Amino acid sequence: MYAATPRDGALRAVGSRAPAATPRARLRAALLRQWREAQRCAAMNVPTGTVKRGRA
């Protein structure tokens, strides 16, 4: 089993979280993700949208 988390574990996790992304950064990330996926599909010669992103 997993070890019990320390009492301040949740507080530390919140404090180390990255700042909220701006709408521009979010749009840029989405476009990059789509472009990367399209490149991968083209390389494997399969239709776009059929390849899983990240961890399955």
N, C-alpha and C. Protein backbone atom coordinates (compact mmCIF):
# COMPACT_ATOMS: atom_id res chain seq x y z
N MET A 1 0.84 -1.20 0.00
CA MET A 1 0.00 0.00 0.00
C MET A 1 0.88 1.25 0.00
N TYR A 2 0.23 2.39 -0.24
CA TYR A 2 0.95 3.66 -0.26
C TYR A 2 1.13 4.19 1.15
N ALA A 3 2.22 4.89 1.36
CA ALA A 3 2.46 5.49 2.67
C ALA A 3 1.50 6.66 2.87
N ALA A 4 1.14 6.90 4.12
CA ALA A 4 0.24 8.01 4.42
C ALA A 4 0.94 9.33 4.09
N THR A 5 0.17 10.27 3.56
CA THR A 5 0.76 11.57 3.22
C THR A 5 0.90 12.41 4.48
N PRO A 6 1.92 13.24 4.55
CA PRO A 6 2.08 14.10 5.71
C PRO A 6 0.95 15.13 5.78
N ARG A 7 0.76 15.70 6.95
CA ARG A 7 -0.35 16.64 7.14
C ARG A 7 -0.27 17.83 6.21
N ASP A 8 0.94 18.32 5.95
CA ASP A 8 1.08 19.50 5.08
C ASP A 8 1.27 19.14 3.61
N GLY A 9 1.04 17.89 3.25
CA GLY A 9 1.22 17.46 1.87
C GLY A 9 0.35 18.22 0.89
N ALA A 10 -0.92 18.42 1.25
CA ALA A 10 -1.84 19.12 0.35
C ALA A 10 -1.44 20.58 0.21
N LEU A 11 -1.01 21.20 1.29
CA LEU A 11 -0.62 22.61 1.25
C LEU A 11 0.58 22.81 0.34
N ARG A 12 1.54 21.89 0.43
CA ARG A 12 2.73 22.01 -0.40
C ARG A 12 2.39 21.85 -1.87
N ALA A 13 1.48 20.93 -2.17
CA ALA A 13 1.10 20.68 -3.56
C ALA A 13 0.47 21.93 -4.18
N VAL A 14 -0.38 22.62 -3.41
CA VAL A 14 -1.04 23.81 -3.93
C VAL A 14 -0.03 24.93 -4.12
N GLY A 15 0.89 25.08 -3.18
CA GLY A 15 1.87 26.15 -3.25
C GLY A 15 2.82 26.01 -4.43
N SER A 16 3.11 24.78 -4.85
CA SER A 16 4.09 24.57 -5.92
C SER A 16 3.43 24.51 -7.30
N ARG A 17 2.12 24.69 -7.33
CA ARG A 17 1.41 24.61 -8.61
C ARG A 17 1.79 25.78 -9.52
N ALA A 18 1.83 25.52 -10.81
CA ALA A 18 2.17 26.58 -11.77
C ALA A 18 1.04 27.61 -11.82
N PRO A 19 1.36 28.87 -12.12
CA PRO A 19 0.31 29.89 -12.21
C PRO A 19 -0.66 29.59 -13.34
N ALA A 20 -1.88 30.11 -13.23
CA ALA A 20 -2.91 29.86 -14.24
C ALA A 20 -2.45 30.40 -15.59
N ALA A 21 -2.66 29.62 -16.64
CA ALA A 21 -2.22 30.02 -17.97
C ALA A 21 -3.12 31.13 -18.52
N THR A 22 -2.52 32.03 -19.25
CA THR A 22 -3.30 33.10 -19.89
C THR A 22 -4.03 32.51 -21.09
N PRO A 23 -5.11 33.15 -21.53
CA PRO A 23 -5.83 32.63 -22.71
C PRO A 23 -4.93 32.47 -23.93
N ARG A 24 -3.99 33.40 -24.09
CA ARG A 24 -3.07 33.32 -25.23
C ARG A 24 -2.17 32.09 -25.14
N ALA A 25 -1.67 31.82 -23.93
CA ALA A 25 -0.79 30.65 -23.73
C ALA A 25 -1.58 29.37 -23.95
N ARG A 26 -2.83 29.37 -23.50
CA ARG A 26 -3.67 28.18 -23.67
C ARG A 26 -3.95 27.92 -25.14
N LEU A 27 -4.22 28.98 -25.90
CA LEU A 27 -4.48 28.85 -27.33
C LEU A 27 -3.23 28.35 -28.05
N ARG A 28 -2.09 28.91 -27.68
CA ARG A 28 -0.82 28.52 -28.29
C ARG A 28 -0.54 27.04 -28.03
N ALA A 29 -0.79 26.60 -26.80
CA ALA A 29 -0.55 25.19 -26.45
C ALA A 29 -1.48 24.28 -27.24
N ALA A 30 -2.74 24.70 -27.39
CA ALA A 30 -3.71 23.88 -28.13
C ALA A 30 -3.31 23.75 -29.60
N LEU A 31 -2.88 24.88 -30.18
CA LEU A 31 -2.46 24.84 -31.59
C LEU A 31 -1.22 23.98 -31.78
N LEU A 32 -0.27 24.10 -30.84
CA LEU A 32 0.94 23.28 -30.92
C LEU A 32 0.59 21.80 -30.82
N ARG A 33 -0.34 21.48 -29.92
CA ARG A 33 -0.75 20.10 -29.72
C ARG A 33 -1.38 19.54 -31.00
N GLN A 34 -2.25 20.35 -31.62
CA GLN A 34 -2.89 19.90 -32.87
C GLN A 34 -1.86 19.71 -33.97
N TRP A 35 -0.92 20.67 -34.06
CA TRP A 35 0.10 20.59 -35.10
C TRP A 35 0.96 19.34 -34.92
N ARG A 36 1.36 19.09 -33.65
CA ARG A 36 2.19 17.92 -33.36
C ARG A 36 1.46 16.63 -33.71
N GLU A 37 0.16 16.59 -33.36
CA GLU A 37 -0.63 15.40 -33.65
C GLU A 37 -0.74 15.19 -35.16
N ALA A 38 -0.95 16.28 -35.91
CA ALA A 38 -1.05 16.18 -37.36
C ALA A 38 0.25 15.67 -37.98
N GLN A 39 1.38 16.16 -37.44
CA GLN A 39 2.68 15.70 -37.94
C GLN A 39 2.87 14.22 -37.69
N ARG A 40 2.46 13.78 -36.49
CA ARG A 40 2.62 12.37 -36.14
C ARG A 40 1.75 11.49 -37.02
N CYS A 41 0.51 11.94 -37.26
CA CYS A 41 -0.39 11.17 -38.11
C CYS A 41 0.15 11.08 -39.54
N ALA A 42 0.68 12.20 -40.02
CA ALA A 42 1.24 12.21 -41.38
C ALA A 42 2.44 11.27 -41.47
N ALA A 43 3.27 11.25 -40.43
CA ALA A 43 4.45 10.39 -40.44
C ALA A 43 4.07 8.91 -40.44
N MET A 44 2.96 8.60 -39.76
CA MET A 44 2.52 7.20 -39.69
C MET A 44 1.51 6.86 -40.77
N ASN A 45 1.17 7.86 -41.59
CA ASN A 45 0.24 7.67 -42.69
C ASN A 45 -1.13 7.16 -42.22
N VAL A 46 -1.65 7.78 -41.17
CA VAL A 46 -2.98 7.44 -40.66
C VAL A 46 -3.81 8.72 -40.58
N PRO A 47 -5.15 8.60 -40.59
CA PRO A 47 -5.99 9.81 -40.52
C PRO A 47 -5.79 10.56 -39.21
N THR A 48 -5.90 11.88 -39.29
CA THR A 48 -5.77 12.73 -38.10
C THR A 48 -6.88 12.40 -37.12
N GLY A 49 -6.55 12.37 -35.83
CA GLY A 49 -7.55 12.10 -34.82
C GLY A 49 -7.60 10.64 -34.39
N THR A 50 -6.80 9.80 -35.03
CA THR A 50 -6.81 8.38 -34.68
C THR A 50 -5.64 7.99 -33.78
N VAL A 51 -4.73 8.94 -33.55
CA VAL A 51 -3.55 8.67 -32.72
C VAL A 51 -3.76 9.25 -31.32
N LYS A 52 -3.49 8.43 -30.31
CA LYS A 52 -3.64 8.91 -28.94
C LYS A 52 -2.54 9.91 -28.60
N ARG A 53 -2.89 10.90 -27.78
CA ARG A 53 -1.94 11.90 -27.33
C ARG A 53 -1.42 11.54 -25.95
N GLY A 54 -0.16 11.80 -25.69
CA GLY A 54 0.38 11.63 -24.36
C GLY A 54 0.32 10.19 -23.89
N ARG A 55 -0.04 10.02 -22.62
CA ARG A 55 -0.08 8.67 -22.02
C ARG A 55 -1.44 8.05 -22.20
N ALA A 56 -1.47 6.86 -22.73
CA ALA A 56 -2.74 6.17 -22.98
C ALA A 56 -3.30 5.58 -21.70
